[in-house]
C-alpha atoms as a PDB file:
ATOM      1  CA  MET A   1      93.957  88.816  72.976  1.00  0.00           C
ATOM      2  CA  ARG A   2      91.680  87.352  75.618  1.00  0.00           C
ATOM      3  CA  TYR A   3      90.847  89.500  78.596  1.00  0.00           C
ATOM      4  CA  ILE A   4      88.306  89.744  81.401  1.00  0.00           C
ATOM      5  CA  GLU A   5      85.513  92.112  80.485  1.00  0.00           C
ATOM      6  CA  LEU A   6      83.549  93.898  83.176  1.00  0.00           C
ATOM      7  CA  ARG A   7      80.175  94.172  81.455  1.00  0.00           C
ATOM      8  CA  GLU A   8      78.457  95.862  84.382  1.00  0.00           C
ATOM      9  CA  HIS A   9      79.022  96.417  88.073  1.00  0.00           C
ATOM     10  CA  GLY A  10      77.925  93.764  90.524  1.00  0.00           C
ATOM     11  CA  ASP A  11      78.695  90.247  91.726  1.00  0.00           C
ATOM     12  CA  PRO A  12      81.693  88.220  90.450  1.00  0.00           C
ATOM     13  CA  GLU A  13      79.585  86.744  87.643  1.00  0.00           C
ATOM     14  CA  VAL A  14      79.590  90.082  85.798  1.00  0.00           C
ATOM     15  CA  MET A  15      83.173  89.303  84.720  1.00  0.00           C
ATOM     16  CA  GLN A  16      83.402  87.366  81.464  1.00  0.00           C
ATOM     17  CA  VAL A  17      86.189  86.288  79.108  1.00  0.00           C
ATOM     18  CA  ALA A  18      86.184  88.431  75.960  1.00  0.00           C
ATOM     19  CA  GLU A  19      88.441  89.012  72.964  1.00  0.00           C
ATOM     20  CA  GLY A  20      89.843  92.340  71.823  1.00  0.00           C
ATOM     21  CA  ASP A  21      92.862  94.099  70.401  1.00  0.00           C
ATOM     22  CA  ARG A  22      96.181  94.070  72.198  1.00  0.00           C
ATOM     23  CA  PRO A  23      97.020  97.425  73.739  1.00  0.00           C
ATOM     24  CA  GLU A  24      99.826  99.458  72.176  1.00  0.00           C
ATOM     25  CA  PRO A  25     102.542 100.804  74.485  1.00  0.00           C
ATOM     26  CA  ALA A  26     102.999 104.571  74.650  1.00  0.00           C
ATOM     27  CA  ALA A  27     106.482 106.021  74.321  1.00  0.00           C
ATOM     28  CA  ASP A  28     107.299 105.459  78.002  1.00  0.00           C
ATOM     29  CA  GLU A  29     105.518 102.102  78.346  1.00  0.00           C
ATOM     30  CA  VAL A  30     106.193  98.437  77.698  1.00  0.00           C
ATOM     31  CA  LEU A  31     103.852  95.708  76.481  1.00  0.00           C
ATOM     32  CA  ILE A  32     103.956  92.598  78.673  1.00  0.00           C
ATOM     33  CA  ARG A  33     102.898  89.104  77.634  1.00  0.00           C
ATOM     34  CA  VAL A  34     101.168  88.299  80.901  1.00  0.00           C
ATOM     35  CA  GLU A  35     101.813  84.956  82.577  1.00  0.00           C
ATOM     36  CA  ALA A  36     100.272  85.795  85.951  1.00  0.00           C
ATOM     37  CA  ALA A  37      98.239  88.635  87.449  1.00  0.00           C
ATOM     38  CA  GLY A  38      97.596  89.457  91.088  1.00  0.00           C
ATOM     39  CA  VAL A  39      94.110  89.853  92.532  1.00  0.00           C
ATOM     40  CA  ASN A  40      93.710  92.727  94.974  1.00  0.00           C
ATOM     41  CA  ARG A  41      90.995  94.320  97.080  1.00  0.00           C
ATOM     42  CA  PRO A  42      90.790  97.399  94.781  1.00  0.00           C
ATOM     43  CA  ASP A  43      89.775  95.020  91.965  1.00  0.00           C
ATOM     44  CA  ILE A  44      86.776  93.957  94.043  1.00  0.00           C
ATOM     45  CA  VAL A  45      85.783  97.539  94.771  1.00  0.00           C
ATOM     46  CA  GLN A  46      86.150  98.524  91.092  1.00  0.00           C
ATOM     47  CA  ARG A  47      84.017  95.546  90.044  1.00  0.00           C
ATOM     48  CA  GLN A  48      81.339  96.678  92.480  1.00  0.00           C
ATOM     49  CA  GLY A  49      81.367 100.162  90.962  1.00  0.00           C
ATOM     50  CA  PHE A  50      82.937 102.115  93.822  1.00  0.00           C
ATOM     51  CA  TYR A  51      86.506 102.613  92.528  1.00  0.00           C
ATOM     52  CA  PRO A  52      86.474 103.922  88.955  1.00  0.00           C
ATOM     53  CA  PRO A  53      89.781 103.884  87.068  1.00  0.00           C
ATOM     54  CA  PRO A  54      91.503 107.270  86.800  1.00  0.00           C
ATOM     55  CA  PRO A  55      91.341 109.163  83.485  1.00  0.00           C
ATOM     56  CA  GLY A  56      93.327 107.441  80.772  1.00  0.00           C
ATOM     57  CA  ALA A  57      93.668 104.137  82.622  1.00  0.00           C
ATOM     58  CA  SER A  58      92.505 100.828  81.173  1.00  0.00           C
ATOM     59  CA  PRO A  59      88.960  99.866  82.204  1.00  0.00           C
ATOM     60  CA  ILE A  60      90.139  96.242  82.455  1.00  0.00           C
ATOM     61  CA  LEU A  61      90.688  95.063  86.031  1.00  0.00           C
ATOM     62  CA  GLY A  62      94.139  94.125  87.308  1.00  0.00           C
ATOM     63  CA  LEU A  63      96.856  96.269  88.909  1.00  0.00           C
ATOM     64  CA  GLU A  64      99.869  93.933  88.856  1.00  0.00           C
ATOM     65  CA  VAL A  65     101.299  91.410  86.425  1.00  0.00           C
ATOM     66  CA  ALA A  66     104.365  89.321  85.692  1.00  0.00           C
ATOM     67  CA  GLY A  67     105.503  88.159  82.284  1.00  0.00           C
ATOM     68  CA  GLU A  68     107.829  88.771  79.381  1.00  0.00           C
ATOM     69  CA  ILE A  69     108.188  92.067  77.559  1.00  0.00           C
ATOM     70  CA  SER A  70     106.981  91.743  73.968  1.00  0.00           C
ATOM     71  CA  ALA A  71     107.311  95.383  72.839  1.00  0.00           C
ATOM     72  CA  VAL A  72     108.797  98.629  74.162  1.00  0.00           C
ATOM     73  CA  GLY A  73     107.842 102.253  73.620  1.00  0.00           C
ATOM     74  CA  ALA A  74     110.061 104.627  71.658  1.00  0.00           C
ATOM     75  CA  SER A  75     111.606 106.322  74.699  1.00  0.00           C
ATOM     76  CA  VAL A  76     112.137 103.221  76.851  1.00  0.00           C
ATOM     77  CA  GLN A  77     115.837 102.599  77.479  1.00  0.00           C
ATOM     78  CA  ARG A  78     116.185 100.113  80.315  1.00  0.00           C
ATOM     79  CA  TRP A  79     113.977  97.287  79.066  1.00  0.00           C
ATOM     80  CA  LYS A  80     114.093  95.205  75.911  1.00  0.00           C
ATOM     81  CA  VAL A  81     111.937  92.531  74.294  1.00  0.00           C
ATOM     82  CA  GLY A  82     112.333  89.249  76.160  1.00  0.00           C
ATOM     83  CA  ASP A  83     113.038  90.729  79.592  1.00  0.00           C
ATOM     84  CA  ARG A  84     111.178  89.034  82.464  1.00  0.00           C
ATOM     85  CA  VAL A  85     109.469  91.626  84.614  1.00  0.00           C
ATOM     86  CA  CYS A  86     106.767  92.211  87.163  1.00  0.00           C
ATOM     87  CA  ALA A  87     104.934  95.506  86.995  1.00  0.00           C
ATOM     88  CA  LEU A  88     102.501  97.800  88.729  1.00  0.00           C
ATOM     89  CA  THR A  89      99.987  98.598  86.011  1.00  0.00           C
ATOM     90  CA  ASN A  90      97.450 101.390  85.826  1.00  0.00           C
ATOM     91  CA  GLY A  91      94.816  98.756  85.025  1.00  0.00           C
ATOM     92  CA  GLY A  92      94.556  96.055  82.381  1.00  0.00           C
ATOM     93  CA  GLY A  93      96.208  93.172  84.205  1.00  0.00           C
ATOM     94  CA  TYR A  94      93.433  90.591  83.747  1.00  0.00           C
ATOM     95  CA  ALA A  95      94.470  89.912  80.155  1.00  0.00           C
ATOM     96  CA  GLU A  96      96.910  88.040  77.954  1.00  0.00           C
ATOM     97  CA  TYR A  97      98.758  91.305  77.271  1.00  0.00           C
ATOM     98  CA  ALA A  98      99.008  94.462  79.352  1.00  0.00           C
ATOM     99  CA  VAL A  99     100.890  97.734  79.134  1.00  0.00           C
ATOM    100  CA  ALA A 100     102.744  99.281  82.058  1.00  0.00           C
ATOM    101  CA  PRO A 101     104.885 102.385  82.495  1.00  0.00           C
ATOM    102  CA  ALA A 102     108.517 101.338  82.111  1.00  0.00           C
ATOM    103  CA  ALA A 103     109.390 103.028  85.407  1.00  0.00           C
ATOM    104  CA  GLN A 104     106.853 100.817  87.228  1.00  0.00           C
ATOM    105  CA  CYS A 105     108.495  97.600  86.037  1.00  0.00           C
ATOM    106  CA  LEU A 106     110.952  95.589  88.090  1.00  0.00           C
ATOM    107  CA  PRO A 107     112.962  92.513  87.179  1.00  0.00           C
ATOM    108  CA  VAL A 108     111.548  89.198  88.327  1.00  0.00           C
ATOM    109  CA  PRO A 109     113.614  88.514  91.468  1.00  0.00           C
ATOM    110  CA  GLN A 110     116.074  85.673  91.273  1.00  0.00           C
ATOM    111  CA  GLY A 111     114.516  82.386  92.332  1.00  0.00           C
ATOM    112  CA  LEU A 112     110.874  83.475  92.042  1.00  0.00           C
ATOM    113  CA  SER A 113     108.256  81.995  89.734  1.00  0.00           C
ATOM    114  CA  MET A 114     106.032  84.214  87.616  1.00  0.00           C
ATOM    115  CA  VAL A 115     103.144  83.518  90.000  1.00  0.00           C
ATOM    116  CA  GLU A 116     105.222  84.713  92.941  1.00  0.00           C
ATOM    117  CA  ALA A 117     106.494  87.726  90.992  1.00  0.00           C
ATOM    118  CA  ALA A 118     102.946  88.757  90.066  1.00  0.00           C
ATOM    119  CA  ALA A 119     102.117  88.869  93.777  1.00  0.00           C
ATOM    120  CA  LEU A 120     104.740  91.540  94.475  1.00  0.00           C
ATOM    121  CA  PRO A 121     103.988  94.932  92.895  1.00  0.00           C
ATOM    122  CA  GLU A 122     100.659  96.118  94.304  1.00  0.00           C
ATOM    123  CA  THR A 123     101.313  95.018  97.872  1.00  0.00           C
ATOM    124  CA  PHE A 124     105.016  95.903  98.002  1.00  0.00           C
ATOM    125  CA  PHE A 125     104.428  99.352  96.464  1.00  0.00           C
ATOM    126  CA  THR A 126     101.539  99.967  98.883  1.00  0.00           C
ATOM    127  CA  VAL A 127     103.345  98.801 102.005  1.00  0.00           C
ATOM    128  CA  TRP A 128     106.615 100.532 101.180  1.00  0.00           C
ATOM    129  CA  SER A 129     104.999 103.861 100.337  1.00  0.00           C
ATOM    130  CA  ASN A 130     102.985 103.841 103.558  1.00  0.00           C
ATOM    131  CA  LEU A 131     105.390 102.388 106.106  1.00  0.00           C
ATOM    132  CA  VAL A 132     108.555 104.015 104.774  1.00  0.00           C
ATOM    133  CA  HIS A 133     107.621 107.149 102.815  1.00  0.00           C
ATOM    134  CA  ARG A 134     104.652 108.212 104.932  1.00  0.00           C
ATOM    135  CA  ALA A 135     105.100 106.689 108.402  1.00  0.00           C
ATOM    136  CA  HIS A 136     108.932 106.699 108.416  1.00  0.00           C
ATOM    137  CA  LEU A 137     108.980 103.415 110.316  1.00  0.00           C
ATOM    138  CA  LYS A 138     112.333 102.936 112.062  1.00  0.00           C
ATOM    139  CA  ALA A 139     114.243 100.034 113.558  1.00  0.00           C
ATOM    140  CA  GLY A 140     113.083  99.290 117.087  1.00  0.00           C
ATOM    141  CA  GLU A 141     109.679 100.918 116.669  1.00  0.00           C
ATOM    142  CA  VAL A 142     106.445  99.039 117.299  1.00  0.00           C
ATOM    143  CA  LEU A 143     104.174  98.413 114.324  1.00  0.00           C
ATOM    144  CA  LEU A 144     100.622  97.082 114.543  1.00  0.00           C
ATOM    145  CA  VAL A 145      99.131  95.718 111.322  1.00  0.00           C
ATOM    146  CA  HIS A 146      95.404  95.050 111.130  1.00  0.00           C
ATOM    147  CA  GLY A 147      94.492  92.293 108.684  1.00  0.00           C
ATOM    148  CA  GLY A 148      97.855  90.616 109.159  1.00  0.00           C
ATOM    149  CA  SER A 149      97.040  87.532 107.079  1.00  0.00           C
ATOM    150  CA  SER A 150      95.984  89.461 103.961  1.00  0.00           C
ATOM    151  CA  GLY A 151      98.293  90.041 101.023  1.00  0.00           C
ATOM    152  CA  ILE A 152      99.031  93.529 102.360  1.00  0.00           C
ATOM    153  CA  GLY A 153      99.439  92.225 105.904  1.00  0.00           C
ATOM    154  CA  THR A 154     101.819  89.368 105.099  1.00  0.00           C
ATOM    155  CA  THR A 155     103.928  91.792 103.065  1.00  0.00           C
ATOM    156  CA  ALA A 156     103.910  94.426 105.817  1.00  0.00           C
ATOM    157  CA  ILE A 157     105.132  91.893 108.375  1.00  0.00           C
ATOM    158  CA  GLN A 158     108.126  90.981 106.254  1.00  0.00           C
ATOM    159  CA  ILE A 159     109.081  94.491 105.169  1.00  0.00           C
ATOM    160  CA  ALA A 160     108.791  95.822 108.722  1.00  0.00           C
ATOM    161  CA  ARG A 161     110.895  92.968 110.091  1.00  0.00           C
ATOM    162  CA  SER A 162     113.544  93.659 107.442  1.00  0.00           C
ATOM    163  CA  LEU A 163     113.607  97.267 108.676  1.00  0.00           C
ATOM    164  CA  GLY A 164     114.145  96.083 112.247  1.00  0.00           C
ATOM    165  CA  ALA A 165     110.723  96.966 113.661  1.00  0.00           C
ATOM    166  CA  ARG A 166     108.754  94.974 116.219  1.00  0.00           C
ATOM    167  CA  VAL A 167     105.613  93.707 114.509  1.00  0.00           C
ATOM    168  CA  PHE A 168     102.211  92.920 116.024  1.00  0.00           C
ATOM    169  CA  VAL A 169      99.201  91.949 113.937  1.00  0.00           C
ATOM    170  CA  THR A 170      95.514  91.205 114.265  1.00  0.00           C
ATOM    171  CA  ALA A 171      93.880  88.301 112.438  1.00  0.00           C
ATOM    172  CA  GLY A 172      90.611  86.398 112.623  1.00  0.00           C
ATOM    173  CA  SER A 173      91.601  82.794 113.354  1.00  0.00           C
ATOM    174  CA  GLU A 174      94.278  80.778 115.100  1.00  0.00           C
ATOM    175  CA  GLU A 175      95.462  79.446 111.728  1.00  0.00           C
ATOM    176  CA  LYS A 176      95.919  82.978 110.436  1.00  0.00           C
ATOM    177  CA  CYS A 177      97.692  83.995 113.628  1.00  0.00           C
ATOM    178  CA  ARG A 178     100.146  81.100 113.324  1.00  0.00           C
ATOM    179  CA  ALA A 179     100.888  82.050 109.723  1.00  0.00           C
ATOM    180  CA  CYS A 180     101.638  85.639 110.742  1.00  0.00           C
ATOM    181  CA  VAL A 181     104.013  84.542 113.499  1.00  0.00           C
ATOM    182  CA  ALA A 182     105.760  82.206 111.057  1.00  0.00           C
ATOM    183  CA  LEU A 183     106.389  85.228 108.809  1.00  0.00           C
ATOM    184  CA  GLY A 184     107.994  87.195 111.619  1.00  0.00           C
ATOM    185  CA  ALA A 185     105.267  88.808 113.707  1.00  0.00           C
ATOM    186  CA  GLU A 186     106.243  88.987 117.375  1.00  0.00           C
ATOM    187  CA  ARG A 187     102.632  88.445 118.386  1.00  0.00           C
ATOM    188  CA  ALA A 188      99.462  87.750 116.407  1.00  0.00           C
ATOM    189  CA  ILE A 189      96.247  88.762 118.138  1.00  0.00           C
ATOM    190  CA  ASN A 190      93.005  86.927 117.388  1.00  0.00           C
ATOM    191  CA  TYR A 191      90.585  89.852 117.321  1.00  0.00           C
ATOM    192  CA  ARG A 192      87.638  87.505 117.863  1.00  0.00           C
ATOM    193  CA  SER A 193      88.842  86.529 121.330  1.00  0.00           C
ATOM    194  CA  GLU A 194      91.448  89.108 122.385  1.00  0.00           C
ATOM    195  CA  ASP A 195      91.665  92.876 122.883  1.00  0.00           C
ATOM    196  CA  PHE A 196      94.492  94.148 120.679  1.00  0.00           C
ATOM    197  CA  VAL A 197      94.820  97.373 122.684  1.00  0.00           C
ATOM    198  CA  ALA A 198      95.430  95.466 125.924  1.00  0.00           C
ATOM    199  CA  VAL A 199      97.734  92.881 124.339  1.00  0.00           C
ATOM    200  CA  VAL A 200     100.026  95.396 122.628  1.00  0.00           C
ATOM    201  CA  ARG A 201     100.156  97.667 125.674  1.00  0.00           C
ATOM    202  CA  GLU A 202     101.170  94.761 127.889  1.00  0.00           C
ATOM    203  CA  ALA A 203     103.759  93.459 125.431  1.00  0.00           C
ATOM    204  CA  THR A 204     105.349  96.909 125.072  1.00  0.00           C
ATOM    205  CA  ASP A 205     105.285  97.811 128.784  1.00  0.00           C
ATOM    206  CA  GLY A 206     102.640 100.444 128.181  1.00  0.00           C
ATOM    207  CA  HIS A 207     104.410 102.114 125.250  1.00  0.00           C
ATOM    208  CA  GLY A 208     101.801 101.241 122.618  1.00  0.00           C
ATOM    209  CA  ALA A 209     102.282 101.269 118.856  1.00  0.00           C
ATOM    210  CA  ASP A 210     104.454 103.819 117.054  1.00  0.00           C
ATOM    211  CA  VAL A 211     102.829 103.012 113.719  1.00  0.00           C
ATOM    212  CA  ILE A 212      99.405 101.466 113.081  1.00  0.00           C
ATOM    213  CA  PHE A 213      98.605 100.218 109.570  1.00  0.00           C
ATOM    214  CA  ASP A 214      94.857  99.779 109.241  1.00  0.00           C
ATOM    215  CA  MET A 215      92.541  98.595 106.484  1.00  0.00           C
ATOM    216  CA  VAL A 216      89.548  97.997 108.797  1.00  0.00           C
ATOM    217  CA  GLY A 217      88.422 101.414 110.038  1.00  0.00           C
ATOM    218  CA  GLY A 218      85.074 101.519 111.818  1.00  0.00           C
ATOM    219  CA  GLN A 219      85.420 101.018 115.561  1.00  0.00           C
ATOM    220  CA  TYR A 220      89.155 100.432 115.125  1.00  0.00           C
ATOM    221  CA  VAL A 221      89.726 104.142 114.460  1.00  0.00           C
ATOM    222  CA  ASP A 222      89.122 105.203 118.072  1.00  0.00           C
ATOM    223  CA  ARG A 223      90.900 102.149 119.477  1.00  0.00           C
ATOM    224  CA  ASN A 224      93.927 102.869 117.305  1.00  0.00           C
ATOM    225  CA  ILE A 225      94.081 106.343 118.806  1.00  0.00           C
ATOM    226  CA  GLN A 226      93.900 104.832 122.297  1.00  0.00           C
ATOM    227  CA  LEU A 227      96.785 102.471 121.522  1.00  0.00           C
ATOM    228  CA  ALA A 228      99.070 104.841 119.644  1.00  0.00           C
ATOM    229  CA  ALA A 229     102.286 105.897 121.356  1.00  0.00           C
ATOM    230  CA  ARG A 230     103.335 109.525 121.631  1.00  0.00           C
ATOM    231  CA  ASP A 231     104.192 110.881 118.178  1.00  0.00           C
ATOM    232  CA  GLY A 232     102.470 107.814 116.723  1.00  0.00           C
ATOM    233  CA  ARG A 233     101.410 107.563 113.090  1.00  0.00           C
ATOM    234  CA  ILE A 234      98.131 105.907 112.101  1.00  0.00           C
ATOM    235  CA  ILE A 235      97.643 105.106 108.418  1.00  0.00           C
ATOM    236  CA  ASN A 236      94.401 103.910 106.842  1.00  0.00           C
ATOM    237  CA  ILE A 237      94.440 102.334 103.398  1.00  0.00           C
ATOM    238  CA  ALA A 238      90.854 101.020 103.473  1.00  0.00           C
ATOM    239  CA  PHE A 239      87.720 101.076 105.615  1.00  0.00           C
ATOM    240  CA  LEU A 240      86.246  97.591 105.399  1.00  0.00           C
ATOM    241  CA  ALA A 241      84.229  98.214 108.581  1.00  0.00           C
ATOM    242  CA  GLY A 242      83.159 101.736 107.662  1.00  0.00           C
ATOM    243  CA  ALA A 243      84.693 105.143 106.988  1.00  0.00           C
ATOM    244  CA  LYS A 244      82.325 107.334 109.030  1.00  0.00           C
ATOM    245  CA  VAL A 245      83.125 107.367 112.747  1.00  0.00           C
ATOM    246  CA  GLU A 246      82.922 109.663 115.748  1.00  0.00           C
ATOM    247  CA  VAL A 247      86.385 110.381 117.155  1.00  0.00           C
ATOM    248  CA  ASN A 248      87.619 112.025 120.342  1.00  0.00           C
ATOM    249  CA  MET A 249      90.384 114.262 119.011  1.00  0.00           C
ATOM    250  CA  LEU A 250      91.793 115.214 122.425  1.00  0.00           C
ATOM    251  CA  PRO A 251      94.201 112.217 122.572  1.00  0.00           C
ATOM    252  CA  VAL A 252      95.342 113.072 119.038  1.00  0.00           C
ATOM    253  CA  MET A 253      96.415 116.479 120.272  1.00  0.00           C
ATOM    254  CA  LEU A 254      97.871 115.334 123.600  1.00  0.00           C
ATOM    255  CA  LYS A 255      99.915 112.505 122.036  1.00  0.00           C
ATOM    256  CA  ARG A 256     100.849 114.531 118.915  1.00  0.00           C
ATOM    257  CA  LEU A 257      99.478 111.846 116.615  1.00  0.00           C
ATOM    258  CA  VAL A 258      99.446 111.832 112.839  1.00  0.00           C
ATOM    259  CA  LEU A 259      96.269 110.440 111.276  1.00  0.00           C
ATOM    260  CA  THR A 260      96.638 109.902 107.558  1.00  0.00           C
ATOM    261  CA  GLY A 261      95.594 107.699 104.680  1.00  0.00           C
ATOM    262  CA  SER A 262      96.559 106.976 101.123  1.00  0.00           C
ATOM    263  CA  THR A 263      95.621 105.273  97.901  1.00  0.00           C
ATOM    264  CA  LEU A 264      98.252 104.045  95.473  1.00  0.00           C
ATOM    265  CA  ARG A 265      96.546 104.136  92.081  1.00  0.00           C
ATOM    266  CA  PRO A 266      95.975 107.932  91.766  1.00  0.00           C
ATOM    267  CA  GLN A 267      99.538 108.818  92.802  1.00  0.00           C
ATOM    268  CA  PRO A 268     101.642 110.554  90.115  1.00  0.00           C
ATOM    269  CA  PRO A 269     103.983 108.467  87.948  1.00  0.00           C
ATOM    270  CA  GLU A 270     107.023 110.117  89.511  1.00  0.00           C
ATOM    271  CA  GLU A 271     106.054 108.859  92.972  1.00  0.00           C
ATOM    272  CA  LYS A 272     105.426 105.323  91.720  1.00  0.00           C
ATOM    273  CA  ALA A 273     108.805 105.392  89.961  1.00  0.00           C
ATOM    274  CA  ARG A 274     110.442 106.474  93.212  1.00  0.00           C
ATOM    275  CA  ILE A 275     108.828 103.578  95.080  1.00  0.00           C
ATOM    276  CA  ALA A 276     110.026 101.153  92.388  1.00  0.00           C
ATOM    277  CA  ARG A 277     113.605 102.406  92.707  1.00  0.00           C
ATOM    278  CA  ASP A 278     113.519 102.046  96.485  1.00  0.00           C
ATOM    279  CA  LEU A 279     112.101  98.531  96.317  1.00  0.00           C
ATOM    280  CA  GLU A 280     114.675  97.349  93.797  1.00  0.00           C
ATOM    281  CA  ALA A 281     117.523  98.781  95.848  1.00  0.00           C
ATOM    282  CA  GLN A 282     116.375  97.711  99.293  1.00  0.00           C
ATOM    283  CA  MET A 283     113.887  94.834  99.058  1.00  0.00           C
ATOM    284  CA  TRP A 284     114.785  92.951  95.875  1.00  0.00           C
ATOM    285  CA  PRO A 285     118.113  91.789  97.402  1.00  0.00           C
ATOM    286  CA  GLU A 286     116.166  90.554 100.436  1.00  0.00           C
ATOM    287  CA  ILE A 287     113.828  88.610  98.152  1.00  0.00           C
ATOM    288  CA  ALA A 288     116.710  87.168  96.107  1.00  0.00           C
ATOM    289  CA  ALA A 289     118.357  86.049  99.351  1.00  0.00           C
ATOM    290  CA  GLY A 290     115.179  84.239 100.439  1.00  0.00           C
ATOM    291  CA  LYS A 291     114.674  86.499 103.458  1.00  0.00           C
ATOM    292  CA  VAL A 292     111.407  87.952 102.116  1.00  0.00           C
ATOM    293  CA  ALA A 293     108.895  86.171  99.890  1.00  0.00           C
ATOM    294  CA  PRO A 294     105.265  86.578  98.849  1.00  0.00           C
ATOM    295  CA  LEU A 295     102.902  84.128 100.491  1.00  0.00           C
ATOM    296  CA  ILE A 296     100.615  82.608  97.848  1.00  0.00           C
ATOM    297  CA  ALA A 297      97.177  81.613  99.110  1.00  0.00           C
ATOM    298  CA  ALA A 298      95.743  80.242  95.856  1.00  0.00           C
ATOM    299  CA  THR A 299      95.994  80.414  92.090  1.00  0.00           C
ATOM    300  CA  PHE A 300      93.156  80.381  89.560  1.00  0.00           C
ATOM    301  CA  ALA A 301      93.115  80.265  85.781  1.00  0.00           C
ATOM    302  CA  LEU A 302      92.134  83.568  84.179  1.00  0.00           C
ATOM    303  CA  GLU A 303      88.824  82.011  83.172  1.00  0.00           C
ATOM    304  CA  ALA A 304      88.060  81.258  86.844  1.00  0.00           C
ATOM    305  CA  VAL A 305      88.362  84.896  87.899  1.00  0.00           C
ATOM    306  CA  ALA A 306      84.919  84.838  89.557  1.00  0.00           C
ATOM    307  CA  GLU A 307      86.121  82.098  91.926  1.00  0.00           C
ATOM    308  CA  ALA A 308      89.204  84.155  92.742  1.00  0.00           C
ATOM    309  CA  HIS A 309      87.065  87.173  93.614  1.00  0.00           C
ATOM    310  CA  ARG A 310      84.743  85.089  95.765  1.00  0.00           C
ATOM    311  CA  LEU A 311      87.731  83.824  97.752  1.00  0.00           C
ATOM    312  CA  MET A 312      89.032  87.372  98.163  1.00  0.00           C
ATOM    313  CA  GLU A 313      85.641  88.558  99.408  1.00  0.00           C
ATOM    314  CA  SER A 314      85.375  85.662 101.870  1.00  0.00           C
ATOM    315  CA  SER A 315      88.593  86.790 103.602  1.00  0.00           C
ATOM    316  CA  GLU A 316      89.363  83.118 104.244  1.00  0.00           C
ATOM    317  CA  HIS A 317      92.688  83.255 102.379  1.00  0.00           C
ATOM    318  CA  ILE A 318      96.140  83.745 103.886  1.00  0.00           C
ATOM    319  CA  GLY A 319      98.392  85.723 101.568  1.00  0.00           C
ATOM    320  CA  LYS A 320      97.976  86.554  97.890  1.00  0.00           C
ATOM    321  CA  ILE A 321      95.541  85.312  95.234  1.00  0.00           C
ATOM    322  CA  VAL A 322      96.949  85.098  91.705  1.00  0.00           C
ATOM    323  CA  LEU A 323      95.472  84.449  88.252  1.00  0.00           C
ATOM    324  CA  THR A 324      97.479  82.378  85.776  1.00  0.00           C
ATOM    325  CA  VAL A 325      97.265  83.156  82.068  1.00  0.00           C
ATOM    326  CA  ALA A 326      97.626  80.420  79.468  1.00  0.00           C
ATOM    327  CA  HIS A 327      98.575  81.416  75.904  1.00  0.00           C
END
């Protein structure tokens, strides 16, 4: 098969098309003939050398794919050859064939293309596990999402709205803000010209945000604490502006805040399987009904993976970036 080889760590040009053997599925895995693969921020960080794959995972980049099952492991019961699935992989997605644990596969939702389906797993698993399993976001609560126009952000807006939450986001341009509002955000705040703490406080009559979903970090950490409502939950999934900050912990104590963070890839298979079950039961019907859908920013052929990474690093995109795989 053809796949993208990471010959060394560095700029996008270190990724090259190579040929190698197809992977063999383990007893609890399936082999997927990949038609599309999502591009995600962890891929960038792994390419740069700061996010090594966990033990036993494929060294090939790519954490989500969509395609047709071409082989199943000995203990797999649900899936069969020919089934159309999207899957959260443990690596290996930038290839013509990839293996994935059977429990991390989901059927391609009715009405979605393979490109759209490939844009689901990484972001939907991440958002669901953080907003629902960790933050326990409830109907009527106020959610603030930083990076609202990213793949994670556009997904968070839609999932939170489906749960009945009020959604506020930050984004870096008026175009991005309009896109977030079109997806269901009550208010999109241009962080280049507005103060998100002041805007959300005013819009919520001083209540603040019950849940803050942050991938920025840096100076946002202290401002998130300022904005959080009593019993608020602040979740970090990345620190694009820096992870080392000085924080006044007194408001954390006085407002009974929860400061937490998470990464998806190292979580145990049982937890990923639980997320998959929840998504299929609660979000897949919403997707099939057209109420929730991935927003595709751009597609690139597998061979143009360097261009896809450059777009991701520019942060100029709105939504998801997807690679298409020709056979």
